[in-house]
PDB file of N, CA and C in Angstrom:
ATOM      1  N   UNK A   1      15.887 -26.076  28.214  1.00  0.00           N
ATOM      2  CA  UNK A   1      15.649 -24.674  27.047  1.00  0.00           C
ATOM      3  C   UNK A   1      16.414 -23.495  27.573  1.00  0.00           C
ATOM      4  N   UNK A   2      17.033 -22.474  26.481  1.00  0.00           N
ATOM      5  CA  UNK A   2      17.975 -21.919  26.998  1.00  0.00           C
ATOM      6  C   UNK A   2      17.202 -20.754  27.174  1.00  0.00           C
ATOM      7  N   UNK A   3      17.714 -19.941  28.190  1.00  0.00           N
ATOM      8  CA  UNK A   3      17.326 -18.311  28.715  1.00  0.00           C
ATOM      9  C   UNK A   3      17.961 -17.158  27.885  1.00  0.00           C
ATOM     10  N   UNK A   4      18.880 -17.401  26.846  1.00  0.00           N
ATOM     11  CA  UNK A   4      19.567 -16.246  26.107  1.00  0.00           C
ATOM     12  C   UNK A   4      18.831 -15.483  25.435  1.00  0.00           C
ATOM     13  N   UNK A   5      18.830 -14.445  25.159  1.00  0.00           N
ATOM     14  CA  UNK A   5      18.597 -13.629  24.361  1.00  0.00           C
ATOM     15  C   UNK A   5      18.793 -13.389  23.342  1.00  0.00           C
ATOM     16  N   UNK A   6      18.486 -12.995  21.887  1.00  0.00           N
ATOM     17  CA  UNK A   6      19.698 -12.867  20.830  1.00  0.00           C
ATOM     18  C   UNK A   6      20.483 -11.591  21.292  1.00  0.00           C
ATOM     19  N   UNK A   7      21.100 -10.922  20.525  1.00  0.00           N
ATOM     20  CA  UNK A   7      22.202  -9.853  20.514  1.00  0.00           C
ATOM     21  C   UNK A   7      21.701  -9.164  20.111  1.00  0.00           C
ATOM     22  N   UNK A   8      21.015  -8.914  18.902  1.00  0.00           N
ATOM     23  CA  UNK A   8      20.306  -8.219  17.685  1.00  0.00           C
ATOM     24  C   UNK A   8      19.084  -8.436  17.555  1.00  0.00           C
ATOM     25  N   UNK A   9      18.167  -7.909  17.585  1.00  0.00           N
ATOM     26  CA  UNK A   9      16.520  -8.256  17.488  1.00  0.00           C
ATOM     27  C   UNK A   9      16.668  -8.687  15.948  1.00  0.00           C
ATOM     28  N   UNK A  10      15.954  -9.566  15.700  1.00  0.00           N
ATOM     29  CA  UNK A  10      15.837  -9.592  13.642  1.00  0.00           C
ATOM     30  C   UNK A  10      15.433  -8.303  12.975  1.00  0.00           C
ATOM     31  N   UNK A  11      14.316  -7.139  13.823  1.00  0.00           N
ATOM     32  CA  UNK A  11      14.107  -6.179  12.807  1.00  0.00           C
ATOM     33  C   UNK A  11      14.952  -5.604  13.317  1.00  0.00           C
ATOM     34  N   UNK A  12      15.920  -5.188  13.922  1.00  0.00           N
ATOM     35  CA  UNK A  12      16.615  -4.039  13.955  1.00  0.00           C
ATOM     36  C   UNK A  12      18.043  -4.563  13.273  1.00  0.00           C
ATOM     37  N   UNK A  13      18.291  -5.741  12.917  1.00  0.00           N
ATOM     38  CA  UNK A  13      19.438  -6.792  11.746  1.00  0.00           C
ATOM     39  C   UNK A  13      18.915  -6.226  10.486  1.00  0.00           C
ATOM     40  N   UNK A  14      17.419  -6.332  10.186  1.00  0.00           N
ATOM     41  CA  UNK A  14      17.167  -6.276   9.066  1.00  0.00           C
ATOM     42  C   UNK A  14      17.136  -4.515   7.996  1.00  0.00           C
ATOM     43  N   UNK A  15      16.976  -4.065   9.528  1.00  0.00           N
ATOM     44  CA  UNK A  15      17.343  -2.346   9.053  1.00  0.00           C
ATOM     45  C   UNK A  15      18.663  -2.127   8.811  1.00  0.00           C
ATOM     46  N   UNK A  16      19.096  -2.846   9.906  1.00  0.00           N
ATOM     47  CA  UNK A  16      20.722  -2.129   9.452  1.00  0.00           C
ATOM     48  C   UNK A  16      21.180  -2.978   8.090  1.00  0.00           C
ATOM     49  N   UNK A  17      20.894  -4.035   8.070  1.00  0.00           N
ATOM     50  CA  UNK A  17      21.632  -4.902   6.343  1.00  0.00           C
ATOM     51  C   UNK A  17      20.909  -3.623   5.432  1.00  0.00           C
ATOM     52  N   UNK A  18      19.704  -3.340   5.561  1.00  0.00           N
ATOM     53  CA  UNK A  18      18.964  -2.195   4.413  1.00  0.00           C
ATOM     54  C   UNK A  18      19.588  -1.216   4.107  1.00  0.00           C
ATOM     55  N   UNK A  19      20.017  -0.701   5.463  1.00  0.00           N
ATOM     56  CA  UNK A  19      20.915   0.552   5.190  1.00  0.00           C
ATOM     57  C   UNK A  19      22.217   0.657   4.841  1.00  0.00           C
ATOM     58  N   UNK A  20      22.959  -0.786   5.023  1.00  0.00           N
ATOM     59  CA  UNK A  20      24.108  -1.400   4.656  1.00  0.00           C
ATOM     60  C   UNK A  20      23.785  -1.579   2.659  1.00  0.00           C
ATOM     61  N   UNK A  21      22.653  -1.328   2.826  1.00  0.00           N
ATOM     62  CA  UNK A  21      22.882  -2.263   1.155  1.00  0.00           C
ATOM     63  C   UNK A  21      22.749  -0.937   0.270  1.00  0.00           C
ATOM     64  N   UNK A  22      21.827  -0.360   0.675  1.00  0.00           N
ATOM     65  CA  UNK A  22      21.003   0.810   0.149  1.00  0.00           C
ATOM     66  C   UNK A  22      20.896   2.170   1.550  1.00  0.00           C
ATOM     67  N   UNK A  23      21.515   3.003   1.325  1.00  0.00           N
ATOM     68  CA  UNK A  23      20.736   4.340   2.219  1.00  0.00           C
ATOM     69  C   UNK A  23      19.554   4.919   1.980  1.00  0.00           C
ATOM     70  N   UNK A  24      19.295   5.227   3.416  1.00  0.00           N
ATOM     71  CA  UNK A  24      17.638   5.793   3.436  1.00  0.00           C
ATOM     72  C   UNK A  24      16.858   6.261   2.455  1.00  0.00           C
ATOM     73  N   UNK A  25      17.945   7.576   2.067  1.00  0.00           N
ATOM     74  CA  UNK A  25      17.224   8.053   1.233  1.00  0.00           C
ATOM     75  C   UNK A  25      17.257   7.551  -0.096  1.00  0.00           C
ATOM     76  N   UNK A  26      18.065   7.165  -0.911  1.00  0.00           N
ATOM     77  CA  UNK A  26      18.021   6.348  -2.157  1.00  0.00           C
ATOM     78  C   UNK A  26      16.825   5.378  -1.798  1.00  0.00           C
ATOM     79  N   UNK A  27      16.662   5.018  -0.931  1.00  0.00           N
ATOM     80  CA  UNK A  27      15.407   3.957  -1.133  1.00  0.00           C
ATOM     81  C   UNK A  27      14.417   4.781  -0.749  1.00  0.00           C
ATOM     82  N   UNK A  28      13.789   5.540  -0.353  1.00  0.00           N
ATOM     83  CA  UNK A  28      13.303   6.753   0.107  1.00  0.00           C
ATOM     84  C   UNK A  28      12.720   7.174  -1.622  1.00  0.00           C
ATOM     85  N   UNK A  29      13.603   7.550  -2.041  1.00  0.00           N
ATOM     86  CA  UNK A  29      13.672   7.734  -3.755  1.00  0.00           C
ATOM     87  C   UNK A  29      12.782   7.046  -4.332  1.00  0.00           C
ATOM     88  N   UNK A  30      13.748   5.375  -3.994  1.00  0.00           N
ATOM     89  CA  UNK A  30      13.283   4.338  -5.124  1.00  0.00           C
ATOM     90  C   UNK A  30      11.695   4.126  -4.787  1.00  0.00           C
ATOM     91  N   UNK A  31      11.652   4.082  -3.358  1.00  0.00           N
ATOM     92  CA  UNK A  31       9.899   3.411  -3.205  1.00  0.00           C
ATOM     93  C   UNK A  31       9.325   4.516  -4.003  1.00  0.00           C
ATOM     94  N   UNK A  32       9.399   6.121  -3.611  1.00  0.00           N
ATOM     95  CA  UNK A  32       8.518   7.057  -3.925  1.00  0.00           C
ATOM     96  C   UNK A  32       8.236   7.011  -5.524  1.00  0.00           C
ATOM     97  N   UNK A  33       9.448   6.795  -6.508  1.00  0.00           N
ATOM     98  CA  UNK A  33       9.200   6.256  -8.129  1.00  0.00           C
ATOM     99  C   UNK A  33       7.954   4.712  -8.325  1.00  0.00           C
ATOM    100  N   UNK A  34       8.487   4.049  -7.398  1.00  0.00           N
ATOM    101  CA  UNK A  34       8.039   2.968  -7.784  1.00  0.00           C
ATOM    102  C   UNK A  34       6.283   3.155  -7.805  1.00  0.00           C
ATOM    103  N   UNK A  35       6.365   3.661  -6.256  1.00  0.00           N
ATOM    104  CA  UNK A  35       4.732   4.022  -5.370  1.00  0.00           C
ATOM    105  C   UNK A  35       4.065   5.199  -7.105  1.00  0.00           C
ATOM    106  N   UNK A  36       4.640   5.784  -7.481  1.00  0.00           N
ATOM    107  CA  UNK A  36       3.606   6.843  -8.389  1.00  0.00           C
ATOM    108  C   UNK A  36       3.630   5.501  -9.596  1.00  0.00           C
ATOM    109  N   UNK A  37       4.387   5.069 -10.298  1.00  0.00           N
ATOM    110  CA  UNK A  37       4.153   3.834 -11.042  1.00  0.00           C
ATOM    111  C   UNK A  37       3.415   2.531 -11.258  1.00  0.00           C
ATOM    112  N   UNK A  38       3.105   2.339  -9.703  1.00  0.00           N
ATOM    113  CA  UNK A  38       2.641   1.273  -9.366  1.00  0.00           C
ATOM    114  C   UNK A  38       1.065   1.233 -10.165  1.00  0.00           C
ATOM    115  N   UNK A  39       1.257   0.113 -10.871  1.00  0.00           N
ATOM    116  CA  UNK A  39      -0.295  -0.496 -11.343  1.00  0.00           C
ATOM    117  C   UNK A  39      -0.376  -1.943 -10.888  1.00  0.00           C
ATOM    118  N   UNK A  40      -1.964  -2.507 -10.949  1.00  0.00           N
ATOM    119  CA  UNK A  40      -2.050  -3.781 -10.520  1.00  0.00           C
ATOM    120  C   UNK A  40      -1.977  -4.761 -11.564  1.00  0.00           C
ATOM    121  N   UNK A  41      -1.503  -5.977 -11.815  1.00  0.00           N
ATOM    122  CA  UNK A  41      -0.829  -6.981 -12.696  1.00  0.00           C
ATOM    123  C   UNK A  41      -2.294  -7.301 -13.113  1.00  0.00           C
ATOM    124  N   UNK A  42      -1.817  -8.118 -14.225  1.00  0.00           N
ATOM    125  CA  UNK A  42      -3.538  -8.645 -14.897  1.00  0.00           C
ATOM    126  C   UNK A  42      -3.795  -9.452 -13.714  1.00  0.00           C
ATOM    127  N   UNK A  43      -2.635 -10.905 -13.403  1.00  0.00           N
ATOM    128  CA  UNK A  43      -3.592 -12.068 -12.166  1.00  0.00           C
ATOM    129  C   UNK A  43      -3.247 -10.899 -11.015  1.00  0.00           C
ATOM    130  N   UNK A  44      -2.531 -10.537 -10.484  1.00  0.00           N
ATOM    131  CA  UNK A  44      -2.714  -9.837  -9.224  1.00  0.00           C
ATOM    132  C   UNK A  44      -4.152  -9.557  -8.765  1.00  0.00           C
ATOM    133  N   UNK A  45      -4.272 -10.236  -7.609  1.00  0.00           N
ATOM    134  CA  UNK A  45      -5.610  -9.344  -6.788  1.00  0.00           C
ATOM    135  C   UNK A  45      -5.749  -8.255  -6.139  1.00  0.00           C
ATOM    136  N   UNK A  46      -6.276  -7.399  -5.650  1.00  0.00           N
ATOM    137  CA  UNK A  46      -6.843  -6.201  -5.416  1.00  0.00           C
ATOM    138  C   UNK A  46      -5.721  -5.991  -3.874  1.00  0.00           C
ATOM    139  N   UNK A  47      -6.303  -7.138  -3.329  1.00  0.00           N
ATOM    140  CA  UNK A  47      -5.266  -7.340  -1.668  1.00  0.00           C
ATOM    141  C   UNK A  47      -3.895  -7.319  -2.161  1.00  0.00           C
ATOM    142  N   UNK A  48      -3.424  -8.274  -2.904  1.00  0.00           N
ATOM    143  CA  UNK A  48      -2.181  -7.885  -2.909  1.00  0.00           C
ATOM    144  C   UNK A  48      -1.323  -6.902  -3.597  1.00  0.00           C
ATOM    145  N   UNK A  49      -2.324  -6.267  -3.985  1.00  0.00           N
ATOM    146  CA  UNK A  49      -2.094  -4.920  -4.916  1.00  0.00           C
ATOM    147  C   UNK A  49      -1.712  -4.183  -3.701  1.00  0.00           C
ATOM    148  N   UNK A  50      -2.854  -4.172  -2.887  1.00  0.00           N
ATOM    149  CA  UNK A  50      -2.761  -3.196  -1.483  1.00  0.00           C
ATOM    150  C   UNK A  50      -1.422  -3.354  -0.664  1.00  0.00           C
ATOM    151  N   UNK A  51      -1.534  -4.935  -0.827  1.00  0.00           N
ATOM    152  CA  UNK A  51       0.318  -5.506   0.390  1.00  0.00           C
ATOM    153  C   UNK A  51       1.557  -5.094  -0.585  1.00  0.00           C
ATOM    154  N   UNK A  52       1.424  -5.030  -1.740  1.00  0.00           N
ATOM    155  CA  UNK A  52       2.880  -4.199  -2.571  1.00  0.00           C
ATOM    156  C   UNK A  52       2.453  -2.355  -2.520  1.00  0.00           C
ATOM    157  N   UNK A  53       1.908  -1.678  -2.063  1.00  0.00           N
ATOM    158  CA  UNK A  53       1.769  -0.548  -2.029  1.00  0.00           C
ATOM    159  C   UNK A  53       1.923  -0.032  -0.979  1.00  0.00           C
ATOM    160  N   UNK A  54       1.621  -0.976  -0.168  1.00  0.00           N
ATOM    161  CA  UNK A  54       2.190  -0.752   1.591  1.00  0.00           C
ATOM    162  C   UNK A  54       3.332  -1.152   2.096  1.00  0.00           C
ATOM    163  N   UNK A  55       4.093  -1.616   0.982  1.00  0.00           N
ATOM    164  CA  UNK A  55       5.523  -2.144   1.448  1.00  0.00           C
ATOM    165  C   UNK A  55       5.970  -0.902   0.868  1.00  0.00           C
ATOM    166  N   UNK A  56       5.760  -0.082  -0.005  1.00  0.00           N
ATOM    167  CA  UNK A  56       6.466   0.819  -0.850  1.00  0.00           C
ATOM    168  C   UNK A  56       6.495   1.686   0.754  1.00  0.00           C
ATOM    169  N   UNK A  57       5.331   1.611   0.539  1.00  0.00           N
ATOM    170  CA  UNK A  57       5.137   2.798   1.906  1.00  0.00           C
ATOM    171  C   UNK A  57       6.250   2.768   3.121  1.00  0.00           C
ATOM    172  N   UNK A  58       6.293   1.981   3.480  1.00  0.00           N
ATOM    173  CA  UNK A  58       7.009   1.643   4.731  1.00  0.00           C
ATOM    174  C   UNK A  58       8.813   2.363   4.271  1.00  0.00           C
ATOM    175  N   UNK A  59       9.135   2.532   3.054  1.00  0.00           N
ATOM    176  CA  UNK A  59      10.029   3.270   3.160  1.00  0.00           C
ATOM    177  C   UNK A  59       9.873   4.452   2.388  1.00  0.00           C
ATOM    178  N   UNK A  60       8.498   4.969   3.115  1.00  0.00           N
ATOM    179  CA  UNK A  60       8.163   6.709   2.696  1.00  0.00           C
ATOM    180  C   UNK A  60       7.750   7.460   3.765  1.00  0.00           C
ATOM    181  N   UNK A  61       7.384   8.683   3.766  1.00  0.00           N
ATOM    182  CA  UNK A  61       7.856   9.590   4.801  1.00  0.00           C
ATOM    183  C   UNK A  61       5.866   8.985   4.770  1.00  0.00           C
ATOM    184  N   UNK A  62       4.916   9.544   5.541  1.00  0.00           N
ATOM    185  CA  UNK A  62       3.342   9.060   6.034  1.00  0.00           C
ATOM    186  C   UNK A  62       2.683  10.124   5.187  1.00  0.00           C
ATOM    187  N   UNK A  63       2.187   9.268   4.528  1.00  0.00           N
ATOM    188  CA  UNK A  63       0.964   9.772   3.406  1.00  0.00           C
ATOM    189  C   UNK A  63      -0.402  10.166   3.833  1.00  0.00           C
ATOM    190  N   UNK A  64      -0.714  10.909   3.805  1.00  0.00           N
ATOM    191  CA  UNK A  64      -2.380  11.370   3.581  1.00  0.00           C
ATOM    192  C   UNK A  64      -3.104  10.321   3.274  1.00  0.00           C
ATOM    193  N   UNK A  65      -4.404   9.971   4.098  1.00  0.00           N
ATOM    194  CA  UNK A  65      -5.269   8.890   3.466  1.00  0.00           C
ATOM    195  C   UNK A  65      -5.676   9.131   2.151  1.00  0.00           C
ATOM    196  N   UNK A  66      -5.933  10.332   1.829  1.00  0.00           N
ATOM    197  CA  UNK A  66      -6.387  10.506   0.288  1.00  0.00           C
ATOM    198  C   UNK A  66      -5.656  10.087  -0.162  1.00  0.00           C
ATOM    199  N   UNK A  67      -4.316  10.550  -0.694  1.00  0.00           N
ATOM    200  CA  UNK A  67      -3.204   9.875  -1.428  1.00  0.00           C
ATOM    201  C   UNK A  67      -3.238   8.934  -1.416  1.00  0.00           C
ATOM    202  N   UNK A  68      -3.283   8.236  -0.208  1.00  0.00           N
ATOM    203  CA  UNK A  68      -3.259   6.802  -0.544  1.00  0.00           C
ATOM    204  C   UNK A  68      -3.934   6.233  -1.335  1.00  0.00           C
ATOM    205  N   UNK A  69      -5.270   6.641  -1.342  1.00  0.00           N
ATOM    206  CA  UNK A  69      -6.537   5.777  -1.353  1.00  0.00           C
ATOM    207  C   UNK A  69      -6.813   6.429  -2.889  1.00  0.00           C
ATOM    208  N   UNK A  70      -5.835   7.571  -3.511  1.00  0.00           N
ATOM    209  CA  UNK A  70      -5.868   7.549  -4.968  1.00  0.00           C
ATOM    210  C   UNK A  70      -5.240   6.988  -5.328  1.00  0.00           C
ATOM    211  N   UNK A  71      -3.591   6.623  -4.954  1.00  0.00           N
ATOM    212  CA  UNK A  71      -2.671   5.705  -5.366  1.00  0.00           C
ATOM    213  C   UNK A  71      -3.492   4.490  -5.594  1.00  0.00           C
ATOM    214  N   UNK A  72      -4.425   4.050  -4.714  1.00  0.00           N
ATOM    215  CA  UNK A  72      -5.026   2.345  -5.184  1.00  0.00           C
ATOM    216  C   UNK A  72      -5.847   2.869  -6.185  1.00  0.00           C
ATOM    217  N   UNK A  73      -6.793   3.752  -5.944  1.00  0.00           N
ATOM    218  CA  UNK A  73      -7.602   3.821  -6.914  1.00  0.00           C
ATOM    219  C   UNK A  73      -7.265   3.599  -8.806  1.00  0.00           C
ATOM    220  N   UNK A  74      -6.097   4.831  -8.778  1.00  0.00           N
ATOM    221  CA  UNK A  74      -5.622   5.061 -10.066  1.00  0.00           C
ATOM    222  C   UNK A  74      -4.368   3.487 -10.117  1.00  0.00           C
ATOM    223  N   UNK A  75      -4.252   2.777  -9.332  1.00  0.00           N
ATOM    224  CA  UNK A  75      -3.564   1.899  -9.964  1.00  0.00           C
ATOM    225  C   UNK A  75      -4.289   0.620 -10.264  1.00  0.00           C
ATOM    226  N   UNK A  76      -5.172   0.652 -10.007  1.00  0.00           N
ATOM    227  CA  UNK A  76      -6.399  -0.432 -10.464  1.00  0.00           C
ATOM    228  C   UNK A  76      -6.112  -0.785 -11.600  1.00  0.00           C
ATOM    229  N   UNK A  77      -6.495  -2.410 -11.760  1.00  0.00           N
ATOM    230  CA  UNK A  77      -6.595  -2.777 -13.322  1.00  0.00           C
ATOM    231  C   UNK A  77      -8.161  -1.399 -13.704  1.00  0.00           C
ATOM    232  N   UNK A  78      -7.850  -1.356 -15.382  1.00  0.00           N
ATOM    233  CA  UNK A  78      -9.235  -0.316 -15.492  1.00  0.00           C
ATOM    234  C   UNK A  78     -10.637  -1.012 -15.491  1.00  0.00           C
ATOM    235  N   UNK A  79     -10.827  -2.162 -14.995  1.00  0.00           N
ATOM    236  CA  UNK A  79     -11.911  -3.406 -15.519  1.00  0.00           C
ATOM    237  C   UNK A  79     -12.268  -3.037 -13.929  1.00  0.00           C
ATOM    238  N   UNK A  80     -11.828  -3.045 -13.480  1.00  0.00           N
ATOM    239  CA  UNK A  80     -12.100  -2.824 -11.584  1.00  0.00           C
ATOM    240  C   UNK A  80     -12.021  -1.334 -11.406  1.00  0.00           C
ATOM    241  N   UNK A  81     -11.366  -0.440 -12.048  1.00  0.00           N
ATOM    242  CA  UNK A  81     -11.543   1.016 -11.632  1.00  0.00           C
ATOM    243  C   UNK A  81     -12.876   1.717 -12.056  1.00  0.00           C
ATOM    244  N   UNK A  82     -13.123   1.588 -13.093  1.00  0.00           N
ATOM    245  CA  UNK A  82     -14.323   1.782 -13.222  1.00  0.00           C
ATOM    246  C   UNK A  82     -16.001   0.924 -13.131  1.00  0.00           C
ATOM    247  N   UNK A  83     -15.387   0.056 -12.663  1.00  0.00           N
ATOM    248  CA  UNK A  83     -16.984  -0.459 -11.487  1.00  0.00           C
ATOM    249  C   UNK A  83     -17.036   0.367 -10.399  1.00  0.00           C
ATOM    250  N   UNK A  84     -15.645   0.509  -9.597  1.00  0.00           N
ATOM    251  CA  UNK A  84     -15.898   1.328  -8.349  1.00  0.00           C
ATOM    252  C   UNK A  84     -16.461   2.289  -8.960  1.00  0.00           C
ATOM    253  N   UNK A  85     -15.930   3.306 -10.050  1.00  0.00           N
ATOM    254  CA  UNK A  85     -16.344   4.797 -10.416  1.00  0.00           C
ATOM    255  C   UNK A  85     -17.665   4.721 -10.929  1.00  0.00           C
ATOM    256  N   UNK A  86     -18.512   3.918 -11.023  1.00  0.00           N
ATOM    257  CA  UNK A  86     -19.903   3.505 -11.078  1.00  0.00           C
ATOM    258  C   UNK A  86     -20.575   4.298 -11.030  1.00  0.00           C
ATOM    259  N   UNK A  87     -21.723   5.057 -10.708  1.00  0.00           N
ATOM    260  CA  UNK A  87     -22.533   5.345 -10.187  1.00  0.00           C
ATOM    261  C   UNK A  87     -23.879   4.050  -9.315  1.00  0.00           C
ATOM    262  N   UNK A  88     -23.914   4.269  -7.510  1.00  0.00           N
ATOM    263  CA  UNK A  88     -24.953   3.692  -7.261  1.00  0.00           C
ATOM    264  C   UNK A  88     -25.714   4.063  -7.225  1.00  0.00           C
ATOM    265  N   UNK A  89     -26.616   2.504  -7.977  1.00  0.00           N
ATOM    266  CA  UNK A  89     -28.237   3.648  -7.905  1.00  0.00           C
ATOM    267  C   UNK A  89     -29.265   4.212  -6.745  1.00  0.00           C
ATOM    268  N   UNK A  90     -28.171   3.953  -5.619  1.00  0.00           N
ATOM    269  CA  UNK A  90     -28.760   3.967  -3.945  1.00  0.00           C
ATOM    270  C   UNK A  90     -28.054   5.732  -3.699  1.00  0.00           C
ATOM    271  N   UNK A  91     -27.153   5.690  -4.232  1.00  0.00           N
ATOM    272  CA  UNK A  91     -26.364   7.047  -3.679  1.00  0.00           C
ATOM    273  C   UNK A  91     -27.120   7.943  -4.698  1.00  0.00           C
ATOM    274  N   UNK A  92     -26.819   9.395  -3.638  1.00  0.00           N
ATOM    275  CA  UNK A  92     -27.828  10.569  -4.382  1.00  0.00           C
ATOM    276  C   UNK A  92     -26.838  11.150  -5.132  1.00  0.00           C
ATOM    277  N   UNK A  93     -27.292  11.850  -6.699  1.00  0.00           N
ATOM    278  CA  UNK A  93     -26.940  12.198  -7.620  1.00  0.00           C
ATOM    279  C   UNK A  93     -25.802  12.560  -7.436  1.00  0.00           C
ATOM    280  N   UNK A  94     -25.401  13.776  -6.695  1.00  0.00           N
ATOM    281  CA  UNK A  94     -24.685  14.707  -6.341  1.00  0.00           C
ATOM    282  C   UNK A  94     -23.303  14.284  -5.592  1.00  0.00           C
ATOM    283  N   UNK A  95     -23.140  13.278  -5.724  1.00  0.00           N
ATOM    284  CA  UNK A  95     -22.045  12.246  -4.663  1.00  0.00           C
ATOM    285  C   UNK A  95     -21.597  11.043  -5.437  1.00  0.00           C
ATOM    286  N   UNK A  96     -20.748  12.318  -6.323  1.00  0.00           N
ATOM    287  CA  UNK A  96     -19.984  11.107  -7.254  1.00  0.00           C
ATOM    288  C   UNK A  96     -18.919  10.768  -7.102  1.00  0.00           C
ATOM    289  N   UNK A  97     -18.155  11.123  -6.209  1.00  0.00           N
ATOM    290  CA  UNK A  97     -16.817  10.783  -5.598  1.00  0.00           C
ATOM    291  C   UNK A  97     -17.071   8.943  -5.487  1.00  0.00           C
ATOM    292  N   UNK A  98     -15.903   8.302  -5.731  1.00  0.00           N
ATOM    293  CA  UNK A  98     -16.340   6.454  -5.373  1.00  0.00           C
ATOM    294  C   UNK A  98     -15.917   6.441  -3.821  1.00  0.00           C
ATOM    295  N   UNK A  99     -16.225   5.078  -3.517  1.00  0.00           N
ATOM    296  CA  UNK A  99     -16.228   4.863  -1.914  1.00  0.00           C
ATOM    297  C   UNK A  99     -15.362   3.807  -1.767  1.00  0.00           C
ATOM    298  N   UNK A 100     -14.018   3.967  -1.186  1.00  0.00           N
ATOM    299  CA  UNK A 100     -13.032   3.067  -1.023  1.00  0.00           C
ATOM    300  C   UNK A 100     -12.744   2.442   0.541  1.00  0.00           C
ATOM    301  N   UNK A 101     -12.271   0.909   0.502  1.00  0.00           N
ATOM    302  CA  UNK A 101     -12.496   0.859   2.047  1.00  0.00           C
ATOM    303  C   UNK A 101     -11.535   1.829   2.774  1.00  0.00           C
ATOM    304  N   UNK A 102     -11.136   1.869   4.049  1.00  0.00           N
ATOM    305  CA  UNK A 102     -10.233   2.431   4.612  1.00  0.00           C
ATOM    306  C   UNK A 102      -8.555   1.393   4.426  1.00  0.00           C
ATOM    307  N   UNK A 103      -7.872   2.047   4.256  1.00  0.00           N
ATOM    308  CA  UNK A 103      -6.246   1.470   3.985  1.00  0.00           C
ATOM    309  C   UNK A 103      -5.785   2.432   5.126  1.00  0.00           C
ATOM    310  N   UNK A 104      -6.143   1.705   6.014  1.00  0.00           N
ATOM    311  CA  UNK A 104      -5.588   2.418   7.463  1.00  0.00           C
ATOM    312  C   UNK A 104      -4.827   0.833   7.707  1.00  0.00           C
ATOM    313  N   UNK A 105      -3.645   2.067   8.683  1.00  0.00           N
ATOM    314  CA  UNK A 105      -2.057   0.616   8.542  1.00  0.00           C
ATOM    315  C   UNK A 105      -2.455   0.226  10.004  1.00  0.00           C
ATOM    316  N   UNK A 106      -3.843  -0.401  10.409  1.00  0.00           N
ATOM    317  CA  UNK A 106      -3.477  -1.167  11.376  1.00  0.00           C
ATOM    318  C   UNK A 106      -3.347  -2.754  10.645  1.00  0.00           C
ATOM    319  N   UNK A 107      -3.174  -3.623  11.598  1.00  0.00           N
ATOM    320  CA  UNK A 107      -3.306  -4.428  11.289  1.00  0.00           C
ATOM    321  C   UNK A 107      -4.077  -5.025  10.977  1.00  0.00           C
ATOM    322  N   UNK A 108      -4.418  -6.141  10.183  1.00  0.00           N
ATOM    323  CA  UNK A 108      -6.001  -6.433  10.277  1.00  0.00           C
ATOM    324  C   UNK A 108      -7.598  -5.968  10.011  1.00  0.00           C
ATOM    325  N   UNK A 109      -7.493  -4.806   9.904  1.00  0.00           N
ATOM    326  CA  UNK A 109      -8.261  -3.927   9.387  1.00  0.00           C
ATOM    327  C   UNK A 109      -8.960  -3.526   8.006  1.00  0.00           C
ATOM    328  N   UNK A 110      -8.046  -4.047   6.817  1.00  0.00           N
ATOM    329  CA  UNK A 110      -8.539  -4.425   5.394  1.00  0.00           C
ATOM    330  C   UNK A 110      -9.218  -5.967   5.331  1.00  0.00           C
ATOM    331  N   UNK A 111     -10.200  -5.364   4.529  1.00  0.00           N
ATOM    332  CA  UNK A 111     -10.428  -6.815   3.835  1.00  0.00           C
ATOM    333  C   UNK A 111     -11.197  -6.259   2.581  1.00  0.00           C
ATOM    334  N   UNK A 112      -9.903  -6.426   1.532  1.00  0.00           N
ATOM    335  CA  UNK A 112     -10.267  -6.590  -0.202  1.00  0.00           C
ATOM    336  C   UNK A 112     -10.085  -7.396  -0.767  1.00  0.00           C
ATOM    337  N   UNK A 113     -10.894  -7.537  -1.770  1.00  0.00           N
ATOM    338  CA  UNK A 113     -11.257  -8.795  -2.659  1.00  0.00           C
ATOM    339  C   UNK A 113     -11.148  -8.174  -4.006  1.00  0.00           C
ATOM    340  N   UNK A 114     -11.188  -9.283  -4.821  1.00  0.00           N
ATOM    341  CA  UNK A 114     -10.993  -8.794  -6.864  1.00  0.00           C
ATOM    342  C   UNK A 114     -12.217  -8.232  -6.992  1.00  0.00           C
TER     343      UNK A 114
END
């Protein structure tokens, strides 16, 4: 067994390579554009769409939770969005805002199904 440590950590190497191929500012602009235009694809599960959005967010400034939730809701396929927006019979009539699961950035805290 070797006690040698890698010269460069993998994440540092990936960051360096990304910065060499596309400058940080350009990457942020491209991620923002793709984030605004994001929409769930026909056979894409909700969890996969969330993962896609999360990946784009890695190249963006940190977004408030309500902006993240809005991006998710607006990007969902229409039939899913409509189902989420339907009033729940147990909900008070004056509460019309949709209830979305938390999009916390902590790993393992999200479980979304289509």
